[in-house]
Amino acid sequence: WRTVKQLAEAKAPEELFTGQWQNR
């Protein structure tokens, strides 16, 4: 449900690019 909520609430695709591999 957290994944679905995160996807549903994102206003832009960039908001979904998170995690340990970002900005590496």
PDB file of all heavy atoms in Angstrom:
ATOM      1  N   TRP A   1       0.827  -1.209   0.000  1.00  0.00           N
ATOM      2  CA  TRP A   1       0.000   0.000   0.000  1.00  0.00           C
ATOM      3  C   TRP A   1       0.857   1.253   0.000  1.00  0.00           C
ATOM      4  O   TRP A   1       0.490   2.279  -0.536  1.00  0.00           O
ATOM      5  CB  TRP A   1      -0.990  -0.001   1.169  1.00  0.00           C
ATOM      6  CG  TRP A   1      -0.329   0.126   2.523  1.00  0.00           C
ATOM      7  CD1 TRP A   1       0.129  -0.886   3.315  1.00  0.00           C
ATOM      8  CD2 TRP A   1      -0.059   1.345   3.214  1.00  0.00           C
ATOM      9  NE1 TRP A   1       0.683  -0.373   4.468  1.00  0.00           N
ATOM     10  CE2 TRP A   1       0.576   1.010   4.435  1.00  0.00           C
ATOM     11  CE3 TRP A   1      -0.276   2.685   2.944  1.00  0.00           C
ATOM     12  CZ2 TRP A   1       0.988   1.950   5.351  1.00  0.00           C
ATOM     13  CZ3 TRP A   1       0.132   3.622   3.880  1.00  0.00           C
ATOM     14  CH2 TRP A   1       0.749   3.250   5.059  1.00  0.00           C
ATOM     15  N   ARG A   2       2.049   1.171   0.611  1.00  0.00           N
ATOM     16  CA  ARG A   2       2.947   2.336   0.623  1.00  0.00           C
ATOM     17  C   ARG A   2       3.455   2.672  -0.775  1.00  0.00           C
ATOM     18  O   ARG A   2       3.571   3.837  -1.138  1.00  0.00           O
ATOM     19  CB  ARG A   2       4.123   2.089   1.559  1.00  0.00           C
ATOM     20  CG  ARG A   2       3.717   2.117   3.001  1.00  0.00           C
ATOM     21  CD  ARG A   2       4.883   1.950   3.913  1.00  0.00           C
ATOM     22  NE  ARG A   2       4.391   1.870   5.278  1.00  0.00           N
ATOM     23  CZ  ARG A   2       5.115   1.593   6.313  1.00  0.00           C
ATOM     24  NH1 ARG A   2       6.400   1.372   6.159  1.00  0.00           N
ATOM     25  NH2 ARG A   2       4.596   1.534   7.516  1.00  0.00           N
ATOM     26  N   THR A   3       3.754   1.642  -1.553  1.00  0.00           N
ATOM     27  CA  THR A   3       4.199   1.859  -2.928  1.00  0.00           C
ATOM     28  C   THR A   3       3.093   2.492  -3.747  1.00  0.00           C
ATOM     29  O   THR A   3       3.320   3.461  -4.485  1.00  0.00           O
ATOM     30  CB  THR A   3       4.640   0.533  -3.577  1.00  0.00           C
ATOM     31  OG1 THR A   3       5.701  -0.032  -2.802  1.00  0.00           O
ATOM     32  CG2 THR A   3       5.114   0.747  -5.003  1.00  0.00           C
ATOM     33  N   VAL A   4       1.885   1.972  -3.612  1.00  0.00           N
ATOM     34  CA  VAL A   4       0.735   2.514  -4.344  1.00  0.00           C
ATOM     35  C   VAL A   4       0.502   3.966  -3.938  1.00  0.00           C
ATOM     36  O   VAL A   4       0.277   4.835  -4.791  1.00  0.00           O
ATOM     37  CB  VAL A   4      -0.523   1.660  -4.108  1.00  0.00           C
ATOM     38  CG1 VAL A   4      -1.753   2.312  -4.718  1.00  0.00           C
ATOM     39  CG2 VAL A   4      -0.329   0.263  -4.662  1.00  0.00           C
ATOM     40  N   LYS A   5       0.582   4.250  -2.648  1.00  0.00           N
ATOM     41  CA  LYS A   5       0.388   5.615  -2.147  1.00  0.00           C
ATOM     42  C   LYS A   5       1.458   6.552  -2.715  1.00  0.00           C
ATOM     43  O   LYS A   5       1.155   7.654  -3.165  1.00  0.00           O
ATOM     44  CB  LYS A   5       0.431   5.614  -0.620  1.00  0.00           C
ATOM     45  CG  LYS A   5       0.148   6.946   0.041  1.00  0.00           C
ATOM     46  CD  LYS A   5       0.119   6.761   1.559  1.00  0.00           C
ATOM     47  CE  LYS A   5      -0.279   7.978   2.327  1.00  0.00           C
ATOM     48  NZ  LYS A   5       0.474   9.162   2.138  1.00  0.00           N
ATOM     49  N   GLN A   6       2.706   6.109  -2.716  1.00  0.00           N
ATOM     50  CA  GLN A   6       3.794   6.926  -3.245  1.00  0.00           C
ATOM     51  C   GLN A   6       3.573   7.214  -4.732  1.00  0.00           C
ATOM     52  O   GLN A   6       3.748   8.344  -5.182  1.00  0.00           O
ATOM     53  CB  GLN A   6       5.124   6.202  -3.054  1.00  0.00           C
ATOM     54  CG  GLN A   6       6.311   6.978  -3.599  1.00  0.00           C
ATOM     55  CD  GLN A   6       7.611   6.199  -3.504  1.00  0.00           C
ATOM     56  OE1 GLN A   6       7.623   4.980  -3.347  1.00  0.00           O
ATOM     57  NE2 GLN A   6       8.709   6.894  -3.603  1.00  0.00           N
ATOM     58  N   LEU A   7       3.179   6.218  -5.485  1.00  0.00           N
ATOM     59  CA  LEU A   7       2.929   6.399  -6.911  1.00  0.00           C
ATOM     60  C   LEU A   7       1.746   7.335  -7.154  1.00  0.00           C
ATOM     61  O   LEU A   7       1.786   8.192  -8.037  1.00  0.00           O
ATOM     62  CB  LEU A   7       2.683   5.054  -7.592  1.00  0.00           C
ATOM     63  CG  LEU A   7       3.877   4.098  -7.642  1.00  0.00           C
ATOM     64  CD1 LEU A   7       3.433   2.733  -8.146  1.00  0.00           C
ATOM     65  CD2 LEU A   7       4.991   4.658  -8.498  1.00  0.00           C
ATOM     66  N   ALA A   8       0.711   7.165  -6.369  1.00  0.00           N
ATOM     67  CA  ALA A   8      -0.497   7.972  -6.553  1.00  0.00           C
ATOM     68  C   ALA A   8      -0.282   9.433  -6.176  1.00  0.00           C
ATOM     69  O   ALA A   8      -0.865  10.325  -6.794  1.00  0.00           O
ATOM     70  CB  ALA A   8      -1.637   7.387  -5.724  1.00  0.00           C
ATOM     71  N   GLU A   9       0.554   9.694  -5.208  1.00  0.00           N
ATOM     72  CA  GLU A   9       0.745  11.058  -4.725  1.00  0.00           C
ATOM     73  C   GLU A   9       1.846  11.819  -5.458  1.00  0.00           C
ATOM     74  O   GLU A   9       1.986  13.029  -5.273  1.00  0.00           O
ATOM     75  CB  GLU A   9       1.046  11.036  -3.227  1.00  0.00           C
ATOM     76  CG  GLU A   9      -0.152  10.599  -2.406  1.00  0.00           C
ATOM     77  CD  GLU A   9       0.143  10.518  -0.925  1.00  0.00           C
ATOM     78  OE1 GLU A   9       1.331  10.593  -0.524  1.00  0.00           O
ATOM     79  OE2 GLU A   9      -0.825  10.366  -0.151  1.00  0.00           O
ATOM     80  N   ALA A  10       2.600  11.151  -6.311  1.00  0.00           N
ATOM     81  CA  ALA A  10       3.692  11.831  -7.028  1.00  0.00           C
ATOM     82  C   ALA A  10       3.121  12.833  -8.017  1.00  0.00           C
ATOM     83  O   ALA A  10       2.252  12.523  -8.814  1.00  0.00           O
ATOM     84  CB  ALA A  10       4.553  10.801  -7.743  1.00  0.00           C
ATOM     85  N   LYS A  11       3.599  14.054  -7.945  1.00  0.00           N
ATOM     86  CA  LYS A  11       3.148  15.111  -8.854  1.00  0.00           C
ATOM     87  C   LYS A  11       4.013  15.163 -10.115  1.00  0.00           C
ATOM     88  O   LYS A  11       3.600  15.710 -11.125  1.00  0.00           O
ATOM     89  CB  LYS A  11       3.161  16.451  -8.144  1.00  0.00           C
ATOM     90  CG  LYS A  11       2.158  16.502  -7.001  1.00  0.00           C
ATOM     91  CD  LYS A  11       2.082  17.864  -6.376  1.00  0.00           C
ATOM     92  CE  LYS A  11       1.109  17.986  -5.241  1.00  0.00           C
ATOM     93  NZ  LYS A  11       0.566  16.830  -4.630  1.00  0.00           N
ATOM     94  N   ALA A  12       5.209  14.605 -10.032  1.00  0.00           N
ATOM     95  CA  ALA A  12       6.119  14.568 -11.171  1.00  0.00           C
ATOM     96  C   ALA A  12       6.922  13.265 -11.106  1.00  0.00           C
ATOM     97  O   ALA A  12       7.163  12.737 -10.016  1.00  0.00           O
ATOM     98  CB  ALA A  12       7.068  15.767 -11.129  1.00  0.00           C
ATOM     99  N   PRO A  13       7.335  12.735 -12.252  1.00  0.00           N
ATOM    100  CA  PRO A  13       8.105  11.480 -12.245  1.00  0.00           C
ATOM    101  C   PRO A  13       9.371  11.551 -11.399  1.00  0.00           C
ATOM    102  O   PRO A  13       9.771  10.561 -10.802  1.00  0.00           O
ATOM    103  CB  PRO A  13       8.455  11.263 -13.719  1.00  0.00           C
ATOM    104  CG  PRO A  13       7.461  12.059 -14.480  1.00  0.00           C
ATOM    105  CD  PRO A  13       7.086  13.217 -13.599  1.00  0.00           C
ATOM    106  N   GLU A  14       9.992  12.740 -11.337  1.00  0.00           N
ATOM    107  CA  GLU A  14      11.226  12.883 -10.575  1.00  0.00           C
ATOM    108  C   GLU A  14      11.045  12.549  -9.097  1.00  0.00           C
ATOM    109  O   GLU A  14      11.997  12.161  -8.430  1.00  0.00           O
ATOM    110  CB  GLU A  14      11.779  14.312 -10.721  1.00  0.00           C
ATOM    111  CG  GLU A  14      12.297  14.630 -12.100  1.00  0.00           C
ATOM    112  CD  GLU A  14      11.206  14.912 -13.125  1.00  0.00           C
ATOM    113  OE1 GLU A  14      10.049  15.203 -12.738  1.00  0.00           O
ATOM    114  OE2 GLU A  14      11.498  14.825 -14.321  1.00  0.00           O
ATOM    115  N   GLU A  15       9.841  12.717  -8.592  1.00  0.00           N
ATOM    116  CA  GLU A  15       9.581  12.401  -7.189  1.00  0.00           C
ATOM    117  C   GLU A  15       9.716  10.904  -6.915  1.00  0.00           C
ATOM    118  O   GLU A  15       9.895  10.499  -5.769  1.00  0.00           O
ATOM    119  CB  GLU A  15       8.179  12.869  -6.793  1.00  0.00           C
ATOM    120  CG  GLU A  15       8.016  14.368  -6.772  1.00  0.00           C
ATOM    121  CD  GLU A  15       6.608  14.794  -6.381  1.00  0.00           C
ATOM    122  OE1 GLU A  15       5.907  14.018  -5.699  1.00  0.00           O
ATOM    123  OE2 GLU A  15       6.217  15.908  -6.768  1.00  0.00           O
ATOM    124  N   LEU A  16       9.637  10.089  -7.948  1.00  0.00           N
ATOM    125  CA  LEU A  16       9.719   8.644  -7.779  1.00  0.00           C
ATOM    126  C   LEU A  16      11.150   8.126  -7.822  1.00  0.00           C
ATOM    127  O   LEU A  16      11.406   6.984  -7.491  1.00  0.00           O
ATOM    128  CB  LEU A  16       8.890   7.941  -8.864  1.00  0.00           C
ATOM    129  CG  LEU A  16       7.408   8.318  -8.888  1.00  0.00           C
ATOM    130  CD1 LEU A  16       6.730   7.688 -10.084  1.00  0.00           C
ATOM    131  CD2 LEU A  16       6.732   7.904  -7.599  1.00  0.00           C
ATOM    132  N   PHE A  17      12.078   8.977  -8.252  1.00  0.00           N
ATOM    133  CA  PHE A  17      13.473   8.576  -8.340  1.00  0.00           C
ATOM    134  C   PHE A  17      14.148   8.777  -6.989  1.00  0.00           C
ATOM    135  O   PHE A  17      14.818   9.769  -6.750  1.00  0.00           O
ATOM    136  CB  PHE A  17      14.207   9.372  -9.417  1.00  0.00           C
ATOM    137  CG  PHE A  17      13.617   9.200 -10.790  1.00  0.00           C
ATOM    138  CD1 PHE A  17      13.462  10.290 -11.609  1.00  0.00           C
ATOM    139  CD2 PHE A  17      13.207   7.971 -11.248  1.00  0.00           C
ATOM    140  CE1 PHE A  17      12.929  10.153 -12.879  1.00  0.00           C
ATOM    141  CE2 PHE A  17      12.669   7.812 -12.509  1.00  0.00           C
ATOM    142  CZ  PHE A  17      12.532   8.906 -13.327  1.00  0.00           C
ATOM    143  N   THR A  18      13.974   7.831  -6.113  1.00  0.00           N
ATOM    144  CA  THR A  18      14.581   7.902  -4.789  1.00  0.00           C
ATOM    145  C   THR A  18      15.248   6.572  -4.484  1.00  0.00           C
ATOM    146  O   THR A  18      15.012   5.571  -5.148  1.00  0.00           O
ATOM    147  CB  THR A  18      13.519   8.181  -3.708  1.00  0.00           C
ATOM    148  OG1 THR A  18      12.561   7.114  -3.723  1.00  0.00           O
ATOM    149  CG2 THR A  18      12.818   9.504  -3.945  1.00  0.00           C
ATOM    150  N   GLY A  19      16.082   6.564  -3.503  1.00  0.00           N
ATOM    151  CA  GLY A  19      16.696   5.319  -3.082  1.00  0.00           C
ATOM    152  C   GLY A  19      18.206   5.413  -3.040  1.00  0.00           C
ATOM    153  O   GLY A  19      18.808   6.442  -3.342  1.00  0.00           O
ATOM    154  N   GLN A  20      18.820   4.296  -2.708  1.00  0.00           N
ATOM    155  CA  GLN A  20      20.254   4.259  -2.470  1.00  0.00           C
ATOM    156  C   GLN A  20      21.083   4.497  -3.730  1.00  0.00           C
ATOM    157  O   GLN A  20      22.249   4.866  -3.646  1.00  0.00           O
ATOM    158  CB  GLN A  20      20.647   2.927  -1.856  1.00  0.00           C
ATOM    159  CG  GLN A  20      20.421   1.736  -2.773  1.00  0.00           C
ATOM    160  CD  GLN A  20      20.861   0.444  -2.130  1.00  0.00           C
ATOM    161  OE1 GLN A  20      21.655   0.468  -1.196  1.00  0.00           O
ATOM    162  NE2 GLN A  20      20.364  -0.672  -2.612  1.00  0.00           N
ATOM    163  N   TRP A  21      20.528   4.299  -4.909  1.00  0.00           N
ATOM    164  CA  TRP A  21      21.307   4.437  -6.136  1.00  0.00           C
ATOM    165  C   TRP A  21      21.219   5.835  -6.724  1.00  0.00           C
ATOM    166  O   TRP A  21      21.911   6.149  -7.683  1.00  0.00           O
ATOM    167  CB  TRP A  21      20.853   3.411  -7.166  1.00  0.00           C
ATOM    168  CG  TRP A  21      20.940   2.024  -6.641  1.00  0.00           C
ATOM    169  CD1 TRP A  21      19.902   1.194  -6.357  1.00  0.00           C
ATOM    170  CD2 TRP A  21      22.120   1.300  -6.289  1.00  0.00           C
ATOM    171  NE1 TRP A  21      20.369   0.005  -5.858  1.00  0.00           N
ATOM    172  CE2 TRP A  21      21.712   0.047  -5.811  1.00  0.00           C
ATOM    173  CE3 TRP A  21      23.476   1.606  -6.326  1.00  0.00           C
ATOM    174  CZ2 TRP A  21      22.633  -0.914  -5.378  1.00  0.00           C
ATOM    175  CZ3 TRP A  21      24.375   0.638  -5.901  1.00  0.00           C
ATOM    176  CH2 TRP A  21      23.951  -0.599  -5.436  1.00  0.00           C
ATOM    177  N   GLN A  22      20.397   6.686  -6.177  1.00  0.00           N
ATOM    178  CA  GLN A  22      20.258   8.032  -6.709  1.00  0.00           C
ATOM    179  C   GLN A  22      21.460   8.892  -6.343  1.00  0.00           C
ATOM    180  O   GLN A  22      22.062   8.735  -5.292  1.00  0.00           O
ATOM    181  CB  GLN A  22      18.977   8.687  -6.185  1.00  0.00           C
ATOM    182  CG  GLN A  22      17.727   8.039  -6.722  1.00  0.00           C
ATOM    183  CD  GLN A  22      17.722   7.922  -8.236  1.00  0.00           C
ATOM    184  OE1 GLN A  22      17.737   6.848  -8.778  1.00  0.00           O
ATOM    185  NE2 GLN A  22      17.725   9.023  -8.913  1.00  0.00           N
ATOM    186  N   ASN A  23      21.794   9.815  -7.236  1.00  0.00           N
ATOM    187  CA  ASN A  23      22.896  10.767  -7.047  1.00  0.00           C
ATOM    188  C   ASN A  23      24.243  10.089  -6.860  1.00  0.00           C
ATOM    189  O   ASN A  23      25.143  10.644  -6.253  1.00  0.00           O
ATOM    190  CB  ASN A  23      22.613  11.703  -5.870  1.00  0.00           C
ATOM    191  CG  ASN A  23      21.337  12.478  -6.084  1.00  0.00           C
ATOM    192  OD1 ASN A  23      21.044  12.906  -7.196  1.00  0.00           O
ATOM    193  ND2 ASN A  23      20.563  12.641  -5.042  1.00  0.00           N
ATOM    194  N   ARG A  24      24.366   8.879  -7.376  1.00  0.00           N
ATOM    195  CA  ARG A  24      25.619   8.159  -7.308  1.00  0.00           C
ATOM    196  C   ARG A  24      26.423   8.457  -8.567  1.00  0.00           C
ATOM    197  O   ARG A  24      25.874   8.474  -9.657  1.00  0.00           O
ATOM    198  CB  ARG A  24      25.302   6.674  -7.241  1.00  0.00           C
ATOM    199  CG  ARG A  24      26.318   5.891  -6.531  1.00  0.00           C
ATOM    200  CD  ARG A  24      25.820   4.526  -6.210  1.00  0.00           C
ATOM    201  NE  ARG A  24      26.968   3.831  -5.694  1.00  0.00           N
ATOM    202  CZ  ARG A  24      27.085   2.542  -5.644  1.00  0.00           C
ATOM    203  NH1 ARG A  24      26.109   1.781  -6.059  1.00  0.00           N
ATOM    204  NH2 ARG A  24      28.163   1.999  -5.182  1.00  0.00           N
TER     205      ARG A  24
END
